[in-house]
Amino acid sequence: MEEKEIIELSTDIVEGLIQLALGAEPGMFSGKVIKSLRNHPNLEELKSLITNHITNFKGIYETAEELKVLSDFRYNLVTAYNQPTNN
C-alpha cells in the first residue's frame, strides 16, 4: 500500500468513527469504511489507537519526530483495519 492510500484510508477510518460516535447511521450512499466499522472485529483497537493519538497530540506537528508519530499512527490504524480478527 502506498503512502497516499494509507493517508486516505486512515482519514476515512477516523472520519467514519467520529461520524458513528456522533450518531450518524451509514446509509446507502455511505462509503465502504463507515459501513464496515460498526461491526469491525478490531473496532476496540481502532478506537484505542485514535484515542491515544488524540490524547498525545499537541495541536501541531513541528518536528520530524512528530511527523513520524503521525505516519506510524496512520500505518497502525490501517493495519488494524485490514486485519481480519483481533490479535
Protein backbone atom coordinates (compact mmCIF):
# COMPACT_ATOMS: atom_id res chain seq x y z
CA MET A 1 0.00 0.00 0.00
CA GLU A 2 1.37 3.39 -0.99
CA GLU A 3 1.60 6.33 1.40
CA LYS A 4 -1.24 8.18 -0.34
CA GLU A 5 -3.52 5.15 0.06
CA ILE A 6 -2.59 4.86 3.75
CA ILE A 7 -3.36 8.54 4.30
CA GLU A 8 -6.72 8.27 2.52
CA LEU A 9 -7.81 5.08 4.28
CA SER A 10 -6.70 6.30 7.72
CA THR A 11 -8.63 9.53 7.14
CA ASP A 12 -11.73 7.53 6.16
CA ILE A 13 -11.38 5.39 9.30
CA VAL A 14 -11.06 8.39 11.64
CA GLU A 15 -13.89 10.29 9.95
CA GLY A 16 -16.09 7.20 9.95
CA LEU A 17 -15.58 6.53 13.65
CA ILE A 18 -16.23 10.17 14.50
CA GLN A 19 -19.45 10.11 12.46
CA LEU A 20 -20.61 6.93 14.19
CA ALA A 21 -19.70 8.38 17.60
CA LEU A 22 -21.82 11.42 16.79
CA GLY A 23 -24.81 9.23 15.99
CA ALA A 24 -24.62 9.01 12.19
CA GLU A 25 -26.21 6.00 10.57
CA PRO A 26 -24.47 4.62 7.49
CA GLY A 27 -26.81 4.83 4.54
CA MET A 28 -27.00 3.50 1.04
CA PHE A 29 -24.56 6.13 -0.25
CA SER A 30 -22.12 5.87 2.66
CA GLY A 31 -18.60 4.77 1.93
CA LYS A 32 -17.34 1.23 2.44
CA VAL A 33 -15.28 2.14 5.50
CA ILE A 34 -18.04 3.67 7.61
CA LYS A 35 -20.35 0.78 6.71
CA SER A 36 -17.77 -1.74 7.92
CA LEU A 37 -16.78 -0.02 11.17
CA ARG A 38 -19.85 -0.73 13.29
CA ASN A 39 -19.22 -4.49 13.21
CA HIS A 40 -15.48 -4.46 12.58
CA PRO A 41 -13.65 -7.19 14.55
CA ASN A 42 -10.95 -4.67 15.58
CA LEU A 43 -13.30 -1.81 16.48
CA GLU A 44 -11.97 -1.52 20.04
CA GLU A 45 -8.37 -1.43 18.81
CA LEU A 46 -9.22 1.23 16.22
CA LYS A 47 -10.93 3.37 18.88
CA SER A 48 -7.96 2.91 21.21
CA LEU A 49 -5.44 3.93 18.54
CA ILE A 50 -7.39 7.09 17.76
CA THR A 51 -7.94 7.98 21.40
CA ASN A 52 -4.27 7.53 22.26
CA HIS A 53 -3.17 9.58 19.28
CA ILE A 54 -5.53 12.45 20.08
CA THR A 55 -4.57 12.38 23.77
CA ASN A 56 -0.88 12.79 22.92
CA PHE A 57 -1.36 15.30 20.09
CA LYS A 58 -0.10 18.82 20.94
CA GLY A 59 -2.21 20.59 18.33
CA ILE A 60 0.56 20.91 15.73
CA TYR A 61 3.32 18.84 14.18
CA GLU A 62 6.58 20.78 14.48
CA THR A 63 9.35 18.21 14.19
CA ALA A 64 10.28 15.26 12.01
CA GLU A 65 9.80 13.02 15.05
CA GLU A 66 6.22 14.27 15.50
CA LEU A 67 5.51 13.66 11.81
CA LYS A 68 6.87 10.13 12.21
CA VAL A 69 4.43 9.61 15.09
CA LEU A 70 1.62 10.70 12.73
CA SER A 71 2.85 8.35 9.99
CA ASP A 72 3.13 5.47 12.47
CA PHE A 73 -0.38 6.19 13.73
CA ARG A 74 -1.77 6.08 10.20
CA TYR A 75 0.08 2.85 9.43
CA ASN A 76 -1.08 1.17 12.66
CA LEU A 77 -4.66 2.27 12.07
CA VAL A 78 -4.72 0.87 8.53
CA THR A 79 -3.02 -2.33 9.68
CA ALA A 80 -5.63 -2.86 12.42
CA TYR A 81 -8.44 -2.10 9.97
CA ASN A 82 -7.12 -4.57 7.40
CA GLN A 83 -6.59 -7.42 9.90
CA PRO A 84 -9.43 -9.92 9.77
CA THR A 85 -9.52 -10.52 13.55
CA ASN A 86 -8.08 -9.22 16.79
CA ASN A 87 -4.59 -10.49 17.56
